[in-house]
């Protein structure tokens, strides 16, 4: 049986991918998550606007930083920080920063 839903949103999946490889190309994020490159770009922009990511240009590429102390958004889990979620998931951010 093929799963038709997952516990995490595409936003979380994108954040997981970027946390593991801060220099990842968005086309590679899109391929890993199973979304279009345009959707990956939109999600990254939303994550940056909401304070979960920052980026800087390094040559022709972007280098991302995850804001590990940003709280999750829904009122059910807004007491949990991104870094805590990564800890529970066993995700080791290659590079994270506090706001």
PDB file of N, CA and C in Angstrom:
ATOM      1  N   UNK A   1       0.850  -1.182   0.000  1.00  0.00           N
ATOM      2  CA  UNK A   1       0.000   0.000   0.000  1.00  0.00           C
ATOM      3  C   UNK A   1       0.893   1.243   0.000  1.00  0.00           C
ATOM      4  N   UNK A   2       0.630   2.167  -0.886  1.00  0.00           N
ATOM      5  CA  UNK A   2       1.382   3.408  -0.975  1.00  0.00           C
ATOM      6  C   UNK A   2       0.792   4.441  -0.030  1.00  0.00           C
ATOM      7  N   UNK A   3       1.670   5.103   0.730  1.00  0.00           N
ATOM      8  CA  UNK A   3       1.206   6.138   1.661  1.00  0.00           C
ATOM      9  C   UNK A   3       0.675   7.335   0.876  1.00  0.00           C
ATOM     10  N   UNK A   4      -0.454   7.851   1.288  1.00  0.00           N
ATOM     11  CA  UNK A   4      -1.027   9.019   0.624  1.00  0.00           C
ATOM     12  C   UNK A   4      -0.850  10.287   1.443  1.00  0.00           C
ATOM     13  N   UNK A   5      -0.272  10.151   2.640  1.00  0.00           N
ATOM     14  CA  UNK A   5      -0.008  11.324   3.472  1.00  0.00           C
ATOM     15  C   UNK A   5       1.219  11.051   4.323  1.00  0.00           C
ATOM     16  N   UNK A   6       1.779  12.116   4.880  1.00  0.00           N
ATOM     17  CA  UNK A   6       2.930  11.984   5.770  1.00  0.00           C
ATOM     18  C   UNK A   6       2.689  12.844   7.004  1.00  0.00           C
ATOM     19  N   UNK A   7       3.489  12.631   8.019  1.00  0.00           N
ATOM     20  CA  UNK A   7       3.354  13.412   9.246  1.00  0.00           C
ATOM     21  C   UNK A   7       3.892  14.823   9.095  1.00  0.00           C
ATOM     22  N   UNK A   8       4.807  15.046   8.167  1.00  0.00           N
ATOM     23  CA  UNK A   8       5.412  16.356   7.993  1.00  0.00           C
ATOM     24  C   UNK A   8       5.002  16.978   6.672  1.00  0.00           C
ATOM     25  N   UNK A   9       4.949  18.294   6.665  1.00  0.00           N
ATOM     26  CA  UNK A   9       4.609  19.031   5.457  1.00  0.00           C
ATOM     27  C   UNK A   9       5.833  19.144   4.553  1.00  0.00           C
ATOM     28  N   UNK A  10       5.599  19.611   3.334  1.00  0.00           N
ATOM     29  CA  UNK A  10       6.718  19.875   2.432  1.00  0.00           C
ATOM     30  C   UNK A  10       7.641  20.935   3.017  1.00  0.00           C
ATOM     31  N   UNK A  11       7.099  21.877   3.781  1.00  0.00           N
ATOM     32  CA  UNK A  11       7.937  22.893   4.419  1.00  0.00           C
ATOM     33  C   UNK A  11       8.952  22.230   5.362  1.00  0.00           C
ATOM     34  N   UNK A  12       8.487  21.275   6.151  1.00  0.00           N
ATOM     35  CA  UNK A  12       9.397  20.563   7.059  1.00  0.00           C
ATOM     36  C   UNK A  12      10.407  19.747   6.266  1.00  0.00           C
ATOM     37  N   UNK A  13       9.955  19.081   5.220  1.00  0.00           N
ATOM     38  CA  UNK A  13      10.878  18.292   4.403  1.00  0.00           C
ATOM     39  C   UNK A  13      11.966  19.171   3.783  1.00  0.00           C
ATOM     40  N   UNK A  14      11.580  20.337   3.283  1.00  0.00           N
ATOM     41  CA  UNK A  14      12.563  21.263   2.712  1.00  0.00           C
ATOM     42  C   UNK A  14      13.544  21.706   3.788  1.00  0.00           C
ATOM     43  N   UNK A  15      13.041  22.033   4.967  1.00  0.00           N
ATOM     44  CA  UNK A  15      13.911  22.456   6.062  1.00  0.00           C
ATOM     45  C   UNK A  15      14.876  21.345   6.473  1.00  0.00           C
ATOM     46  N   UNK A  16      14.398  20.101   6.507  1.00  0.00           N
ATOM     47  CA  UNK A  16      15.279  18.969   6.817  1.00  0.00           C
ATOM     48  C   UNK A  16      16.402  18.866   5.784  1.00  0.00           C
ATOM     49  N   UNK A  17      16.046  18.965   4.500  1.00  0.00           N
ATOM     50  CA  UNK A  17      17.057  18.860   3.424  1.00  0.00           C
ATOM     51  C   UNK A  17      18.107  19.954   3.558  1.00  0.00           C
ATOM     52  N   UNK A  18      17.657  21.166   3.766  1.00  0.00           N
ATOM     53  CA  UNK A  18      18.587  22.292   3.865  1.00  0.00           C
ATOM     54  C   UNK A  18      19.435  22.189   5.120  1.00  0.00           C
ATOM     55  N   UNK A  19      18.853  21.691   6.194  1.00  0.00           N
ATOM     56  CA  UNK A  19      19.632  21.588   7.439  1.00  0.00           C
ATOM     57  C   UNK A  19      20.776  20.591   7.292  1.00  0.00           C
ATOM     58  N   UNK A  20      20.571  19.554   6.513  1.00  0.00           N
ATOM     59  CA  UNK A  20      21.612  18.546   6.321  1.00  0.00           C
ATOM     60  C   UNK A  20      22.682  18.985   5.325  1.00  0.00           C
ATOM     61  N   UNK A  21      22.314  19.876   4.400  1.00  0.00           N
ATOM     62  CA  UNK A  21      23.262  20.367   3.393  1.00  0.00           C
ATOM     63  C   UNK A  21      22.954  21.824   3.096  1.00  0.00           C
ATOM     64  N   UNK A  22      23.572  22.766   3.819  1.00  0.00           N
ATOM     65  CA  UNK A  22      23.260  24.185   3.662  1.00  0.00           C
ATOM     66  C   UNK A  22      23.613  24.761   2.295  1.00  0.00           C
ATOM     67  N   UNK A  23      24.352  24.015   1.485  1.00  0.00           N
ATOM     68  CA  UNK A  23      24.711  24.478   0.143  1.00  0.00           C
ATOM     69  C   UNK A  23      23.920  23.761  -0.950  1.00  0.00           C
ATOM     70  N   UNK A  24      22.884  23.022  -0.574  1.00  0.00           N
ATOM     71  CA  UNK A  24      22.108  22.241  -1.525  1.00  0.00           C
ATOM     72  C   UNK A  24      21.421  23.146  -2.548  1.00  0.00           C
ATOM     73  N   UNK A  25      21.356  22.678  -3.772  1.00  0.00           N
ATOM     74  CA  UNK A  25      20.637  23.410  -4.816  1.00  0.00           C
ATOM     75  C   UNK A  25      19.149  23.123  -4.681  1.00  0.00           C
ATOM     76  N   UNK A  26      18.328  24.114  -4.994  1.00  0.00           N
ATOM     77  CA  UNK A  26      16.888  23.932  -4.845  1.00  0.00           C
ATOM     78  C   UNK A  26      16.355  22.852  -5.780  1.00  0.00           C
ATOM     79  N   UNK A  27      16.988  22.633  -6.924  1.00  0.00           N
ATOM     80  CA  UNK A  27      16.543  21.537  -7.798  1.00  0.00           C
ATOM     81  C   UNK A  27      16.764  20.197  -7.106  1.00  0.00           C
ATOM     82  N   UNK A  28      17.815  20.101  -6.291  1.00  0.00           N
ATOM     83  CA  UNK A  28      18.070  18.862  -5.549  1.00  0.00           C
ATOM     84  C   UNK A  28      17.098  18.714  -4.380  1.00  0.00           C
ATOM     85  N   UNK A  29      16.766  19.824  -3.735  1.00  0.00           N
ATOM     86  CA  UNK A  29      15.744  19.802  -2.677  1.00  0.00           C
ATOM     87  C   UNK A  29      14.430  19.315  -3.277  1.00  0.00           C
ATOM     88  N   UNK A  30      14.051  19.898  -4.400  1.00  0.00           N
ATOM     89  CA  UNK A  30      12.792  19.532  -5.054  1.00  0.00           C
ATOM     90  C   UNK A  30      12.749  18.047  -5.382  1.00  0.00           C
ATOM     91  N   UNK A  31      13.844  17.532  -5.908  1.00  0.00           N
ATOM     92  CA  UNK A  31      13.894  16.111  -6.267  1.00  0.00           C
ATOM     93  C   UNK A  31      13.758  15.221  -5.033  1.00  0.00           C
ATOM     94  N   UNK A  32      14.436  15.582  -3.929  1.00  0.00           N
ATOM     95  CA  UNK A  32      14.364  14.775  -2.706  1.00  0.00           C
ATOM     96  C   UNK A  32      12.976  14.807  -2.085  1.00  0.00           C
ATOM     97  N   UNK A  33      12.339  15.990  -2.115  1.00  0.00           N
ATOM     98  CA  UNK A  33      11.035  16.144  -1.471  1.00  0.00           C
ATOM     99  C   UNK A  33       9.904  15.636  -2.374  1.00  0.00           C
ATOM    100  N   UNK A  34      10.139  15.652  -3.684  1.00  0.00           N
ATOM    101  CA  UNK A  34       9.097  15.216  -4.620  1.00  0.00           C
ATOM    102  C   UNK A  34       8.169  16.340  -5.028  1.00  0.00           C
ATOM    103  N   UNK A  35       8.727  17.536  -5.153  1.00  0.00           N
ATOM    104  CA  UNK A  35       7.964  18.717  -5.559  1.00  0.00           C
ATOM    105  C   UNK A  35       8.681  19.381  -6.727  1.00  0.00           C
ATOM    106  N   UNK A  36       8.067  20.388  -7.310  1.00  0.00           N
ATOM    107  CA  UNK A  36       8.717  21.107  -8.400  1.00  0.00           C
ATOM    108  C   UNK A  36       9.759  22.059  -7.840  1.00  0.00           C
ATOM    109  N   UNK A  37      10.677  22.468  -8.706  1.00  0.00           N
ATOM    110  CA  UNK A  37      11.681  23.439  -8.287  1.00  0.00           C
ATOM    111  C   UNK A  37      11.023  24.762  -7.899  1.00  0.00           C
ATOM    112  N   UNK A  38       9.991  25.148  -8.630  1.00  0.00           N
ATOM    113  CA  UNK A  38       9.251  26.376  -8.312  1.00  0.00           C
ATOM    114  C   UNK A  38       8.627  26.284  -6.920  1.00  0.00           C
ATOM    115  N   UNK A  39       8.067  25.132  -6.582  1.00  0.00           N
ATOM    116  CA  UNK A  39       7.488  24.943  -5.240  1.00  0.00           C
ATOM    117  C   UNK A  39       8.569  25.028  -4.180  1.00  0.00           C
ATOM    118  N   UNK A  40       9.734  24.450  -4.443  1.00  0.00           N
ATOM    119  CA  UNK A  40      10.857  24.527  -3.492  1.00  0.00           C
ATOM    120  C   UNK A  40      11.266  25.981  -3.291  1.00  0.00           C
ATOM    121  N   UNK A  41      11.324  26.757  -4.362  1.00  0.00           N
ATOM    122  CA  UNK A  41      11.675  28.179  -4.258  1.00  0.00           C
ATOM    123  C   UNK A  41      10.657  28.924  -3.404  1.00  0.00           C
ATOM    124  N   UNK A  42       9.370  28.646  -3.625  1.00  0.00           N
ATOM    125  CA  UNK A  42       8.311  29.315  -2.862  1.00  0.00           C
ATOM    126  C   UNK A  42       8.404  28.945  -1.386  1.00  0.00           C
ATOM    127  N   UNK A  43       8.627  27.676  -1.095  1.00  0.00           N
ATOM    128  CA  UNK A  43       8.723  27.221   0.295  1.00  0.00           C
ATOM    129  C   UNK A  43       9.927  27.860   0.986  1.00  0.00           C
ATOM    130  N   UNK A  44      11.060  27.903   0.312  1.00  0.00           N
ATOM    131  CA  UNK A  44      12.254  28.534   0.901  1.00  0.00           C
ATOM    132  C   UNK A  44      11.975  30.004   1.178  1.00  0.00           C
ATOM    133  N   UNK A  45      11.328  30.696   0.257  1.00  0.00           N
ATOM    134  CA  UNK A  45      10.986  32.112   0.466  1.00  0.00           C
ATOM    135  C   UNK A  45      10.065  32.260   1.674  1.00  0.00           C
ATOM    136  N   UNK A  46       9.089  31.374   1.809  1.00  0.00           N
ATOM    137  CA  UNK A  46       8.178  31.430   2.958  1.00  0.00           C
ATOM    138  C   UNK A  46       8.916  31.143   4.263  1.00  0.00           C
ATOM    139  N   UNK A  47       9.815  30.165   4.248  1.00  0.00           N
ATOM    140  CA  UNK A  47      10.598  29.856   5.450  1.00  0.00           C
ATOM    141  C   UNK A  47      11.495  31.028   5.832  1.00  0.00           C
ATOM    142  N   UNK A  48      12.069  31.697   4.837  1.00  0.00           N
ATOM    143  CA  UNK A  48      12.893  32.877   5.131  1.00  0.00           C
ATOM    144  C   UNK A  48      12.031  34.019   5.676  1.00  0.00           C
ATOM    145  N   UNK A  49      10.904  34.275   5.038  1.00  0.00           N
ATOM    146  CA  UNK A  49      10.008  35.356   5.492  1.00  0.00           C
ATOM    147  C   UNK A  49       9.523  35.122   6.920  1.00  0.00           C
ATOM    148  N   UNK A  50       9.335  33.861   7.288  1.00  0.00           N
ATOM    149  CA  UNK A  50       8.838  33.520   8.623  1.00  0.00           C
ATOM    150  C   UNK A  50       9.955  33.415   9.664  1.00  0.00           C
ATOM    151  N   UNK A  51      11.211  33.561   9.241  1.00  0.00           N
ATOM    152  CA  UNK A  51      12.314  33.560  10.191  1.00  0.00           C
ATOM    153  C   UNK A  51      12.908  32.196  10.509  1.00  0.00           C
ATOM    154  N   UNK A  52      12.704  31.215   9.640  1.00  0.00           N
ATOM    155  CA  UNK A  52      13.260  29.879   9.860  1.00  0.00           C
ATOM    156  C   UNK A  52      14.578  29.658   9.145  1.00  0.00           C
ATOM    157  N   UNK A  53      14.868  30.479   8.153  1.00  0.00           N
ATOM    158  CA  UNK A  53      16.075  30.357   7.335  1.00  0.00           C
ATOM    159  C   UNK A  53      16.628  31.734   7.021  1.00  0.00           C
ATOM    160  N   UNK A  54      17.913  31.778   6.792  1.00  0.00           N
ATOM    161  CA  UNK A  54      18.543  32.935   6.153  1.00  0.00           C
ATOM    162  C   UNK A  54      19.437  32.370   5.061  1.00  0.00           C
ATOM    163  N   UNK A  55      19.831  33.220   4.147  1.00  0.00           N
ATOM    164  CA  UNK A  55      20.772  32.763   3.127  1.00  0.00           C
ATOM    165  C   UNK A  55      21.706  33.895   2.751  1.00  0.00           C
ATOM    166  N   UNK A  56      22.847  33.502   2.241  1.00  0.00           N
ATOM    167  CA  UNK A  56      23.782  34.462   1.676  1.00  0.00           C
ATOM    168  C   UNK A  56      24.302  33.885   0.376  1.00  0.00           C
ATOM    169  N   UNK A  57      24.613  34.764  -0.545  1.00  0.00           N
ATOM    170  CA  UNK A  57      25.177  34.343  -1.820  1.00  0.00           C
ATOM    171  C   UNK A  57      26.649  34.024  -1.637  1.00  0.00           C
ATOM    172  N   UNK A  58      27.071  32.882  -2.133  1.00  0.00           N
ATOM    173  CA  UNK A  58      28.473  32.495  -2.144  1.00  0.00           C
ATOM    174  C   UNK A  58      28.769  32.117  -3.593  1.00  0.00           C
ATOM    175  N   UNK A  59      29.397  33.043  -4.295  1.00  0.00           N
ATOM    176  CA  UNK A  59      29.581  32.836  -5.730  1.00  0.00           C
ATOM    177  C   UNK A  59      28.224  32.861  -6.416  1.00  0.00           C
ATOM    178  N   UNK A  60      27.940  31.803  -7.148  1.00  0.00           N
ATOM    179  CA  UNK A  60      26.650  31.713  -7.839  1.00  0.00           C
ATOM    180  C   UNK A  60      25.624  30.915  -7.061  1.00  0.00           C
ATOM    181  N   UNK A  61      25.985  30.427  -5.891  1.00  0.00           N
ATOM    182  CA  UNK A  61      25.111  29.556  -5.104  1.00  0.00           C
ATOM    183  C   UNK A  61      24.631  30.273  -3.846  1.00  0.00           C
ATOM    184  N   UNK A  62      23.606  29.714  -3.238  1.00  0.00           N
ATOM    185  CA  UNK A  62      23.127  30.188  -1.946  1.00  0.00           C
ATOM    186  C   UNK A  62      23.654  29.275  -0.851  1.00  0.00           C
ATOM    187  N   UNK A  63      23.984  29.869   0.272  1.00  0.00           N
ATOM    188  CA  UNK A  63      24.362  29.128   1.470  1.00  0.00           C
ATOM    189  C   UNK A  63      23.308  29.464   2.523  1.00  0.00           C
ATOM    190  N   UNK A  64      22.639  28.438   3.049  1.00  0.00           N
ATOM    191  CA  UNK A  64      21.519  28.639   3.968  1.00  0.00           C
ATOM    192  C   UNK A  64      21.945  28.403   5.406  1.00  0.00           C
ATOM    193  N   UNK A  65      21.240  29.075   6.318  1.00  0.00           N
ATOM    194  CA  UNK A  65      21.382  28.836   7.755  1.00  0.00           C
ATOM    195  C   UNK A  65      19.985  28.646   8.332  1.00  0.00           C
ATOM    196  N   UNK A  66      19.822  27.576   9.080  1.00  0.00           N
ATOM    197  CA  UNK A  66      18.564  27.298   9.765  1.00  0.00           C
ATOM    198  C   UNK A  66      18.586  28.031  11.099  1.00  0.00           C
ATOM    199  N   UNK A  67      17.496  28.667  11.441  1.00  0.00           N
ATOM    200  CA  UNK A  67      17.364  29.356  12.733  1.00  0.00           C
ATOM    201  C   UNK A  67      16.803  28.332  13.723  1.00  0.00           C
ATOM    202  N   UNK A  68      17.675  27.741  14.505  1.00  0.00           N
ATOM    203  CA  UNK A  68      17.303  26.593  15.335  1.00  0.00           C
ATOM    204  C   UNK A  68      16.394  26.934  16.510  1.00  0.00           C
ATOM    205  N   UNK A  69      16.378  28.184  16.940  1.00  0.00           N
ATOM    206  CA  UNK A  69      15.512  28.499  18.076  1.00  0.00           C
ATOM    207  C   UNK A  69      14.175  29.101  17.661  1.00  0.00           C
ATOM    208  N   UNK A  70      13.859  29.046  16.366  1.00  0.00           N
ATOM    209  CA  UNK A  70      12.551  29.504  15.897  1.00  0.00           C
ATOM    210  C   UNK A  70      11.480  28.511  16.350  1.00  0.00           C
ATOM    211  N   UNK A  71      10.355  29.005  16.850  1.00  0.00           N
ATOM    212  CA  UNK A  71       9.294  28.102  17.311  1.00  0.00           C
ATOM    213  C   UNK A  71       8.494  27.552  16.134  1.00  0.00           C
ATOM    214  N   UNK A  72       7.953  26.343  16.327  1.00  0.00           N
ATOM    215  CA  UNK A  72       7.035  25.809  15.324  1.00  0.00           C
ATOM    216  C   UNK A  72       5.780  26.671  15.304  1.00  0.00           C
ATOM    217  N   UNK A  73       5.048  26.638  14.217  1.00  0.00           N
ATOM    218  CA  UNK A  73       4.003  27.630  13.979  1.00  0.00           C
ATOM    219  C   UNK A  73       2.629  27.323  14.549  1.00  0.00           C
ATOM    220  N   UNK A  74       2.233  26.089  14.604  1.00  0.00           N
ATOM    221  CA  UNK A  74       0.871  25.756  15.030  1.00  0.00           C
ATOM    222  C   UNK A  74       0.765  25.851  16.543  1.00  0.00           C
ATOM    223  N   UNK A  75      -0.387  26.281  17.029  1.00  0.00           N
ATOM    224  CA  UNK A  75      -0.548  26.461  18.479  1.00  0.00           C
ATOM    225  C   UNK A  75      -0.388  25.159  19.259  1.00  0.00           C
ATOM    226  N   UNK A  76      -0.573  24.022  18.631  1.00  0.00           N
ATOM    227  CA  UNK A  76      -0.400  22.741  19.313  1.00  0.00           C
ATOM    228  C   UNK A  76       1.081  22.483  19.623  1.00  0.00           C
ATOM    229  N   UNK A  77       1.980  22.974  18.739  1.00  0.00           N
ATOM    230  CA  UNK A  77       3.402  22.704  18.947  1.00  0.00           C
ATOM    231  C   UNK A  77       4.254  23.960  19.037  1.00  0.00           C
ATOM    232  N   UNK A  78       3.658  25.124  19.257  1.00  0.00           N
ATOM    233  CA  UNK A  78       4.446  26.362  19.262  1.00  0.00           C
ATOM    234  C   UNK A  78       5.384  26.494  20.462  1.00  0.00           C
ATOM    235  N   UNK A  79       5.313  25.551  21.384  1.00  0.00           N
ATOM    236  CA  UNK A  79       6.259  25.519  22.509  1.00  0.00           C
ATOM    237  C   UNK A  79       7.550  24.783  22.128  1.00  0.00           C
ATOM    238  N   UNK A  80       7.576  24.188  20.946  1.00  0.00           N
ATOM    239  CA  UNK A  80       8.727  23.418  20.472  1.00  0.00           C
ATOM    240  C   UNK A  80       9.530  24.271  19.498  1.00  0.00           C
ATOM    241  N   UNK A  81      10.837  24.220  19.613  1.00  0.00           N
ATOM    242  CA  UNK A  81      11.741  24.945  18.709  1.00  0.00           C
ATOM    243  C   UNK A  81      12.214  24.021  17.590  1.00  0.00           C
ATOM    244  N   UNK A  82      12.585  24.606  16.466  1.00  0.00           N
ATOM    245  CA  UNK A  82      13.068  23.841  15.325  1.00  0.00           C
ATOM    246  C   UNK A  82      14.213  22.913  15.729  1.00  0.00           C
ATOM    247  N   UNK A  83      15.146  23.422  16.516  1.00  0.00           N
ATOM    248  CA  UNK A  83      16.276  22.608  16.954  1.00  0.00           C
ATOM    249  C   UNK A  83      15.843  21.391  17.750  1.00  0.00           C
ATOM    250  N   UNK A  84      14.792  21.541  18.554  1.00  0.00           N
ATOM    251  CA  UNK A  84      14.279  20.409  19.324  1.00  0.00           C
ATOM    252  C   UNK A  84      13.670  19.359  18.390  1.00  0.00           C
ATOM    253  N   UNK A  85      12.988  19.820  17.364  1.00  0.00           N
ATOM    254  CA  UNK A  85      12.422  18.895  16.373  1.00  0.00           C
ATOM    255  C   UNK A  85      13.539  18.112  15.697  1.00  0.00           C
ATOM    256  N   UNK A  86      14.598  18.805  15.317  1.00  0.00           N
ATOM    257  CA  UNK A  86      15.737  18.136  14.702  1.00  0.00           C
ATOM    258  C   UNK A  86      16.326  17.092  15.644  1.00  0.00           C
ATOM    259  N   UNK A  87      16.428  17.428  16.936  1.00  0.00           N
ATOM    260  CA  UNK A  87      16.970  16.483  17.920  1.00  0.00           C
ATOM    261  C   UNK A  87      16.129  15.212  17.963  1.00  0.00           C
ATOM    262  N   UNK A  88      14.820  15.374  18.023  1.00  0.00           N
ATOM    263  CA  UNK A  88      13.919  14.221  18.093  1.00  0.00           C
ATOM    264  C   UNK A  88      14.003  13.388  16.819  1.00  0.00           C
ATOM    265  N   UNK A  89      14.131  14.052  15.684  1.00  0.00           N
ATOM    266  CA  UNK A  89      14.164  13.362  14.391  1.00  0.00           C
ATOM    267  C   UNK A  89      15.536  12.758  14.095  1.00  0.00           C
ATOM    268  N   UNK A  90      16.529  13.090  14.892  1.00  0.00           N
ATOM    269  CA  UNK A  90      17.871  12.590  14.627  1.00  0.00           C
ATOM    270  C   UNK A  90      18.530  13.300  13.465  1.00  0.00           C
ATOM    271  N   UNK A  91      18.028  14.496  13.154  1.00  0.00           N
ATOM    272  CA  UNK A  91      18.610  15.319  12.092  1.00  0.00           C
ATOM    273  C   UNK A  91      19.705  16.165  12.712  1.00  0.00           C
ATOM    274  N   UNK A  92      20.878  16.101  12.153  1.00  0.00           N
ATOM    275  CA  UNK A  92      21.998  16.891  12.652  1.00  0.00           C
ATOM    276  C   UNK A  92      22.259  18.025  11.681  1.00  0.00           C
ATOM    277  N   UNK A  93      21.738  19.207  11.980  1.00  0.00           N
ATOM    278  CA  UNK A  93      21.979  20.333  11.061  1.00  0.00           C
ATOM    279  C   UNK A  93      23.462  20.566  10.870  1.00  0.00           C
ATOM    280  N   UNK A  94      23.854  20.676   9.621  1.00  0.00           N
ATOM    281  CA  UNK A  94      25.263  20.949   9.310  1.00  0.00           C
ATOM    282  C   UNK A  94      25.649  22.319   9.838  1.00  0.00           C
ATOM    283  N   UNK A  95      24.699  23.237   9.798  1.00  0.00           N
ATOM    284  CA  UNK A  95      24.964  24.577  10.288  1.00  0.00           C
ATOM    285  C   UNK A  95      23.635  25.192  10.696  1.00  0.00           C
ATOM    286  N   UNK A  96      23.528  25.605  11.917  1.00  0.00           N
ATOM    287  CA  UNK A  96      22.331  26.256  12.409  1.00  0.00           C
ATOM    288  C   UNK A  96      22.753  27.437  13.256  1.00  0.00           C
ATOM    289  N   UNK A  97      21.857  28.361  13.409  1.00  0.00           N
ATOM    290  CA  UNK A  97      22.145  29.544  14.205  1.00  0.00           C
ATOM    291  C   UNK A  97      20.925  29.892  15.027  1.00  0.00           C
ATOM    292  N   UNK A  98      21.160  30.632  16.085  1.00  0.00           N
ATOM    293  CA  UNK A  98      20.063  31.149  16.904  1.00  0.00           C
ATOM    294  C   UNK A  98      19.761  32.559  16.438  1.00  0.00           C
ATOM    295  N   UNK A  99      18.499  32.915  16.552  1.00  0.00           N
ATOM    296  CA  UNK A  99      18.082  34.244  16.099  1.00  0.00           C
ATOM    297  C   UNK A  99      18.658  35.339  16.963  1.00  0.00           C
TER     298      UNK A  99
END
